[in-house]
Protein backbone atom coordinates (compact mmCIF):
# COMPACT_ATOMS: atom_id res chain seq x y z
CA MET A 1 36.10 14.40 -32.57
CA THR A 2 37.77 13.25 -35.76
CA THR A 3 38.84 15.79 -38.33
CA GLY A 4 37.37 16.03 -41.84
CA ARG A 5 37.39 18.44 -44.72
CA PRO A 6 35.98 21.95 -44.28
CA SER A 7 32.22 22.01 -43.83
CA PRO A 8 30.37 21.68 -47.17
CA ARG A 9 27.64 24.12 -48.21
CA ASN A 10 24.81 21.61 -48.34
CA PHE A 11 23.97 17.92 -48.49
CA SER A 12 24.64 17.52 -52.22
CA THR A 13 28.08 16.09 -51.38
CA LEU A 14 26.67 13.38 -49.08
CA PRO A 15 25.98 10.38 -51.38
CA PRO A 16 24.93 6.99 -49.96
CA ASP A 17 28.50 5.65 -50.12
CA SER A 18 29.68 8.47 -47.88
CA VAL A 19 26.95 7.67 -45.35
CA LEU A 20 28.04 4.03 -45.18
CA ASN A 21 31.73 4.98 -45.08
CA ALA A 22 31.07 7.40 -42.25
CA LEU A 23 29.63 4.57 -40.14
CA GLU A 24 32.55 2.32 -41.03
CA SER A 25 34.98 5.06 -39.96
CA ILE A 26 33.74 4.71 -36.37
CA GLY A 27 33.67 0.91 -36.38
CA PHE A 28 30.25 -0.07 -37.73
CA ARG A 29 30.13 -2.34 -40.78
CA SER A 30 26.92 -1.98 -42.74
CA ASP A 31 25.25 -4.73 -44.73
CA GLY A 32 24.45 -2.13 -47.39
CA ARG A 33 20.82 -1.49 -46.44
CA LEU A 34 20.18 2.26 -46.28
CA LEU A 35 16.78 3.86 -45.67
CA ALA A 36 16.37 7.65 -45.65
CA LEU A 37 14.05 8.71 -42.82
CA ASN A 38 11.75 11.71 -42.85
CA SER A 39 13.95 14.71 -42.07
CA TYR A 40 14.59 17.94 -43.95
CA GLU A 41 16.69 20.02 -41.57
CA ASN A 42 19.26 17.23 -41.25
CA ARG A 43 19.78 13.94 -43.06
CA VAL A 44 18.77 10.86 -41.08
CA TYR A 45 19.22 7.26 -42.22
CA GLN A 46 18.38 3.82 -40.90
CA ILE A 47 21.37 1.63 -41.70
CA GLY A 48 21.47 -2.16 -41.57
CA MET A 49 24.42 -3.71 -39.78
CA GLU A 50 26.32 -6.89 -40.61
CA GLU A 51 25.94 -7.77 -36.93
CA GLY A 52 23.18 -6.64 -34.63
CA SER A 53 20.17 -4.38 -35.05
CA PRO A 54 20.02 -1.50 -37.51
CA LEU A 55 21.29 1.89 -36.35
CA VAL A 56 20.12 5.42 -37.08
CA ALA A 57 22.71 7.95 -38.24
CA LYS A 58 21.95 11.67 -38.12
CA PHE A 59 24.05 14.03 -40.26
CA TYR A 60 23.74 17.61 -39.06
CA ARG A 61 23.04 20.47 -41.46
CA PRO A 62 26.32 22.32 -41.94
CA GLY A 63 26.52 25.69 -40.26
CA ARG A 64 23.35 25.45 -38.18
CA TRP A 65 24.72 24.52 -34.74
CA THR A 66 28.17 24.79 -33.24
CA ASP A 67 29.80 21.60 -32.00
CA ALA A 68 29.28 22.85 -28.44
CA ALA A 69 25.54 23.35 -29.01
CA ILE A 70 25.14 19.84 -30.45
CA LEU A 71 27.06 18.33 -27.56
CA GLU A 72 24.91 20.25 -25.10
CA GLU A 73 21.82 18.71 -26.70
CA HIS A 74 23.40 15.23 -26.47
CA ALA A 75 24.24 15.81 -22.80
CA PHE A 76 20.68 16.91 -22.01
CA VAL A 77 19.16 13.83 -23.63
CA GLU A 78 21.65 11.60 -21.82
CA GLU A 79 20.75 13.33 -18.55
CA LEU A 80 17.09 12.51 -19.20
CA ALA A 81 17.91 8.89 -20.08
CA GLU A 82 19.87 8.49 -16.85
CA ARG A 83 16.69 9.49 -14.99
CA GLU A 84 14.84 6.73 -16.86
CA ILE A 85 12.85 9.17 -18.99
CA PRO A 86 12.01 7.57 -22.36
CA VAL A 87 14.29 9.34 -24.82
CA VAL A 88 16.83 8.04 -27.34
CA PRO A 89 20.35 9.34 -26.59
CA ALA A 90 23.25 9.29 -29.02
CA LEU A 91 25.62 6.33 -28.67
CA VAL A 92 28.84 7.08 -26.82
CA LEU A 93 31.81 5.70 -28.80
CA ASP A 94 35.31 6.07 -27.37
CA GLY A 95 33.93 8.69 -25.03
CA ILE A 96 32.29 10.91 -27.67
CA THR A 97 28.87 11.26 -29.32
CA LEU A 98 29.68 13.65 -32.19
CA HIS A 99 31.79 12.47 -35.10
CA SER A 100 33.00 13.90 -38.39
CA PHE A 101 33.50 12.45 -41.87
CA GLU A 102 34.33 14.33 -45.06
CA GLY A 103 33.28 17.60 -43.46
CA PHE A 104 29.93 16.34 -42.12
CA ARG A 105 29.21 16.04 -38.42
CA PHE A 106 27.07 13.08 -37.41
CA ALA A 107 25.84 11.04 -34.47
CA VAL A 108 24.59 7.47 -34.21
CA PHE A 109 21.51 6.30 -32.31
CA PRO A 110 19.90 2.95 -31.58
CA LYS A 111 16.83 2.31 -33.69
CA HIS A 112 13.58 2.78 -31.79
CA GLY A 113 10.25 1.89 -33.35
CA GLY A 114 6.81 3.15 -32.53
CA ARG A 115 3.66 4.74 -33.87
CA ALA A 116 2.07 8.15 -33.55
CA PRO A 117 0.28 8.67 -30.20
CA GLU A 118 -3.52 8.82 -30.21
CA LEU A 119 -3.95 12.32 -28.79
CA GLU A 120 -7.75 12.05 -28.68
CA ASP A 121 -7.35 9.45 -25.91
CA ARG A 122 -7.45 10.84 -22.37
CA ASN A 123 -5.03 8.30 -20.93
CA THR A 124 -2.54 9.00 -23.71
CA LEU A 125 -2.62 12.75 -22.99
CA GLU A 126 -2.12 12.18 -19.26
CA TRP A 127 0.75 9.79 -19.97
CA MET A 128 2.36 12.34 -22.28
CA GLY A 129 1.87 14.99 -19.62
CA ARG A 130 3.59 12.92 -16.95
CA PHE A 131 6.71 12.43 -19.04
CA LEU A 132 6.79 16.07 -20.15
CA GLY A 133 6.55 17.04 -16.50
CA ARG A 134 9.53 14.83 -15.76
CA ILE A 135 11.48 16.27 -18.70
CA HIS A 136 10.79 19.80 -17.50
CA ALA A 137 11.65 18.99 -13.90
CA ILE A 138 15.11 17.98 -15.13
CA GLY A 139 15.21 20.82 -17.65
CA ALA A 140 14.71 23.34 -14.86
CA LEU A 141 17.74 22.18 -12.87
CA LYS A 142 20.25 24.19 -14.91
CA PRO A 143 20.27 26.30 -18.07
CA PHE A 144 21.69 25.76 -21.51
CA HIS A 145 24.78 27.85 -22.15
CA GLU A 146 25.39 27.07 -25.84
CA ARG A 147 21.85 26.76 -27.16
CA PRO A 148 19.53 29.76 -27.73
CA THR A 149 16.38 30.97 -26.02
CA LEU A 150 13.01 31.02 -27.74
CA ASP A 151 12.23 34.74 -27.86
CA ILE A 152 10.50 37.33 -30.00
CA ALA A 153 13.73 38.49 -31.63
CA SER A 154 14.97 35.10 -32.84
CA PHE A 155 11.59 33.56 -33.69
CA GLY A 156 9.76 36.63 -34.96
CA GLU A 157 11.76 39.74 -35.77
CA GLN A 158 14.80 38.12 -37.35
CA PRO A 159 12.73 35.72 -39.53
CA ARG A 160 10.53 38.65 -40.64
CA ASP A 161 13.60 40.69 -41.56
CA TYR A 162 15.09 37.79 -43.52
CA LEU A 163 11.96 37.36 -45.62
CA LEU A 164 11.70 41.08 -46.36
CA THR A 165 15.36 41.80 -47.08
CA HIS A 166 15.72 38.77 -49.36
CA ALA A 167 12.65 39.73 -51.43
CA PHE A 168 10.66 36.53 -50.88
CA ILE A 169 7.36 38.42 -50.62
CA PRO A 170 5.77 39.19 -54.02
CA ALA A 171 5.88 42.91 -54.79
CA ASP A 172 2.10 43.30 -54.88
CA LEU A 173 1.79 41.66 -51.43
CA ASP A 174 4.80 43.31 -49.80
CA ALA A 175 2.92 46.17 -48.12
CA ALA A 176 0.17 43.87 -46.87
CA TYR A 177 2.66 41.38 -45.45
CA ARG A 178 4.74 44.09 -43.77
CA GLY A 179 1.67 45.52 -42.13
CA VAL A 180 0.22 42.25 -40.90
CA VAL A 181 3.50 40.76 -39.65
CA ASP A 182 4.29 43.92 -37.67
CA GLN A 183 0.79 43.93 -36.19
CA ALA A 184 1.15 40.24 -35.32
CA LEU A 185 4.46 40.85 -33.57
CA ASP A 186 2.88 43.69 -31.59
CA GLY A 187 0.24 41.18 -30.49
CA VAL A 188 2.97 38.73 -29.48
CA ARG A 189 4.65 41.41 -27.36
CA HIS A 190 1.36 42.18 -25.61
CA CYS A 191 0.87 38.47 -24.83
CA PHE A 192 4.35 38.21 -23.34
CA ALA A 193 3.68 41.36 -21.30
CA ARG A 194 0.45 39.88 -19.94
CA ALA A 195 2.22 36.64 -19.00
CA GLY A 196 4.91 38.53 -17.10
CA ASP A 197 8.27 37.17 -16.05
CA VAL A 198 7.76 33.44 -16.68
CA ARG A 199 10.52 30.92 -16.13
CA ALA A 200 12.70 29.71 -18.99
CA LEU A 201 13.94 26.12 -18.82
CA ARG A 202 15.52 23.52 -21.09
CA LEU A 203 12.85 22.27 -23.49
CA HIS A 204 12.37 19.64 -26.15
CA GLY A 205 11.51 22.66 -28.27
CA ASP A 206 9.58 20.95 -31.10
CA CYS A 207 7.23 18.61 -29.28
CA HIS A 208 4.71 17.78 -31.97
CA VAL A 209 3.19 14.37 -32.65
CA GLY A 210 5.86 13.50 -35.24
CA ASN A 211 8.55 13.60 -32.58
CA VAL A 212 6.83 11.13 -30.26
CA LEU A 213 7.01 7.38 -30.84
CA TRP A 214 4.32 5.41 -29.02
CA THR A 215 4.58 1.79 -27.98
CA ASP A 216 2.72 -0.36 -25.46
CA ASP A 217 5.19 1.00 -22.89
CA GLY A 218 4.12 4.57 -23.60
CA PRO A 219 5.81 7.51 -25.37
CA HIS A 220 9.41 7.93 -26.43
CA PHE A 221 10.48 11.50 -27.17
CA VAL A 222 12.90 11.81 -30.09
CA ASP A 223 14.68 14.52 -32.10
CA PHE A 224 15.83 17.14 -29.61
CA ASP A 225 17.50 19.05 -32.46
CA ASP A 226 15.43 22.18 -31.66
CA SER A 227 16.04 21.95 -27.93
CA ARG A 228 16.48 25.39 -26.38
CA MET A 229 15.55 27.54 -23.41
CA GLY A 230 11.96 28.74 -23.23
CA PRO A 231 8.63 28.63 -21.35
CA ALA A 232 7.23 25.22 -20.45
CA VAL A 233 4.04 25.78 -22.45
CA GLN A 234 6.08 25.62 -25.69
CA ASP A 235 6.25 21.83 -25.22
CA LEU A 236 2.54 21.58 -24.46
CA TRP A 237 0.57 23.68 -26.92
CA MET A 238 1.46 21.65 -30.02
CA LEU A 239 -0.31 18.64 -28.47
CA LEU A 240 -3.64 20.52 -28.54
CA SER A 241 -5.97 20.56 -31.55
CA GLY A 242 -9.58 21.11 -32.56
CA GLU A 243 -12.11 23.65 -31.33
CA ARG A 244 -11.53 25.74 -28.22
CA ALA A 245 -13.55 23.38 -26.01
CA ASP A 246 -11.56 20.40 -27.31
CA ARG A 247 -8.25 22.13 -26.65
CA ALA A 248 -9.32 23.10 -23.13
CA ARG A 249 -10.22 19.49 -22.37
CA GLN A 250 -6.93 18.24 -23.84
CA LEU A 251 -4.98 20.79 -21.82
CA THR A 252 -6.71 19.64 -18.63
CA GLU A 253 -5.74 16.04 -19.36
CA VAL A 254 -2.12 16.87 -20.21
CA LEU A 255 -1.72 18.99 -17.07
CA ALA A 256 -3.32 16.27 -14.92
CA GLY A 257 -0.24 14.17 -15.65
CA TYR A 258 2.25 17.04 -15.95
CA GLU A 259 1.63 18.47 -12.49
CA ASP A 260 2.35 15.14 -10.84
CA PHE A 261 6.01 15.95 -11.50
CA CYS A 262 6.33 19.67 -12.27
CA ASP A 263 4.40 22.79 -11.31
CA PHE A 264 2.83 24.69 -14.19
CA ASP A 265 2.58 28.48 -14.11
CA GLU A 266 -0.86 29.25 -15.56
CA ARG A 267 0.31 32.72 -16.63
CA GLU A 268 2.04 30.89 -19.48
CA LEU A 269 -1.36 30.23 -21.05
CA HIS A 270 -1.25 33.86 -22.22
CA LEU A 271 1.59 32.71 -24.51
CA VAL A 272 -0.10 29.89 -26.44
CA GLU A 273 -1.32 31.92 -29.42
CA ALA A 274 1.77 34.13 -29.29
CA LEU A 275 4.03 31.09 -29.57
CA ARG A 276 1.89 29.75 -32.41
CA THR A 277 2.27 33.09 -34.21
CA LEU A 278 6.06 33.06 -33.76
CA ARG A 279 6.20 29.50 -35.09
CA LEU A 280 4.28 30.50 -38.23
CA ILE A 281 6.63 33.42 -38.97
CA HIS A 282 9.71 31.35 -38.17
CA TYR A 283 8.54 28.44 -40.33
CA ALA A 284 8.17 30.60 -43.44
CA ALA A 285 11.67 31.99 -42.96
CA TRP A 286 13.04 28.50 -42.27
CA LEU A 287 11.77 27.37 -45.67
CA ALA A 288 13.22 30.48 -47.31
CA GLN A 289 16.63 30.00 -45.70
CA ARG A 290 16.77 26.41 -46.99
CA TRP A 291 15.39 27.12 -50.44
CA ASP A 292 18.72 26.46 -52.19
CA ASP A 293 18.53 22.85 -50.90
CA PRO A 294 16.99 20.76 -53.74
CA ALA A 295 15.27 18.54 -51.19
CA PHE A 296 13.22 21.51 -49.99
CA GLN A 297 12.16 22.48 -53.51
CA GLN A 298 10.96 18.92 -54.11
CA ALA A 299 9.20 18.54 -50.76
CA PHE A 300 7.59 22.00 -50.59
CA PRO A 301 6.69 22.94 -54.18
CA TRP A 302 3.89 25.21 -52.93
CA PHE A 303 6.33 27.47 -51.06
CA ASN A 304 7.00 30.97 -52.39
CA THR A 305 4.00 31.02 -54.71
CA GLN A 306 1.51 33.87 -54.81
CA ARG A 307 -1.08 31.67 -53.11
CA TYR A 308 1.37 30.71 -50.36
CA TRP A 309 1.96 34.32 -49.30
CA GLN A 310 -1.72 35.20 -49.58
CA ASP A 311 -2.45 32.32 -47.17
CA ARG A 312 0.28 33.50 -44.78
CA ILE A 313 -1.23 36.98 -44.64
CA LEU A 314 -4.67 35.53 -43.89
CA GLU A 315 -3.17 33.18 -41.29
CA LEU A 316 -1.45 36.04 -39.45
CA ARG A 317 -4.66 38.09 -39.48
CA GLU A 318 -6.40 35.16 -37.82
CA GLN A 319 -3.65 34.95 -35.22
CA ILE A 320 -3.96 38.66 -34.46
CA ALA A 321 -7.63 38.08 -33.61
CA LEU A 322 -6.86 34.98 -31.54
CA MET A 323 -4.21 36.80 -29.50
CA ASP A 324 -6.87 39.35 -28.52
CA GLU A 325 -9.14 36.64 -27.15
CA PRO A 326 -8.96 35.45 -23.53
CA PRO A 327 -6.31 32.75 -23.08
CA LEU A 328 -7.20 29.08 -23.08
CA TRP A 329 -7.82 27.84 -19.54
CA HIS A 330 -8.14 24.26 -18.41
CA ALA A 331 -11.03 23.00 -16.30
């Protein structure tokens, strides 16, 4: 990996010229066209080339991942691509996938188009399930060593502590939030206890509809930036929506494809609402930890208002009730 200046604090020192110069530093000459794509954690750009198709450059948020963790993600995606699973791996240039320019680490990807999948369609859900089953079959072959595990501490307790110790909760809501978040985490622990010792494997980690590009050839899974170890159901539950009966039907259709390639441990269904609860707590802390980034203040103006925290308290109370209900089972 090439050497740059010490890592900057945020993206304010990454102007468009630096993005184009970074690509030129590894041999790609841009025609000057630069389109910022929808990403807040990192900075991602579609860049026109003087020769050939546009490329996508991803500049990693400083300080979030170690080089080793990023490279482990790249290796996992490449492993999936080698098994003809539809993912988009980073380009290998002179034997490496991770580069540096002016203190920013970045990777380059081929552009891949597509639309959002139609998750109300049965065939689409089965198709998604088949490819997730294939991803998990490969993910189960060996563990990550550099990337973390999705657990209660990192996704629940630590985010809670960050919000409370950095005084993000309004004073008049502090006691209510403390009480409800602790009760919610107790519910999460009970769900994990009911599920028992489920297997952790390498996951996509953030498998929502925005990270799937659909074409006539089916789905392409993109953005493995949150890839980590965890239970298989983490990559399934975000595909489910609607009333309980709707989600049960959708789960049946996803698993119909999934289990063609990978066994699913139904004990993990005890974790669905627990994982949703952890995601809600983690998301609020994620916004708080990025709040000095001007892009976040522009994109999420409703964050850290009185109404925002009132809604989070209500949301966690609803999750506490849902975690006490029987788990969602498929037909």
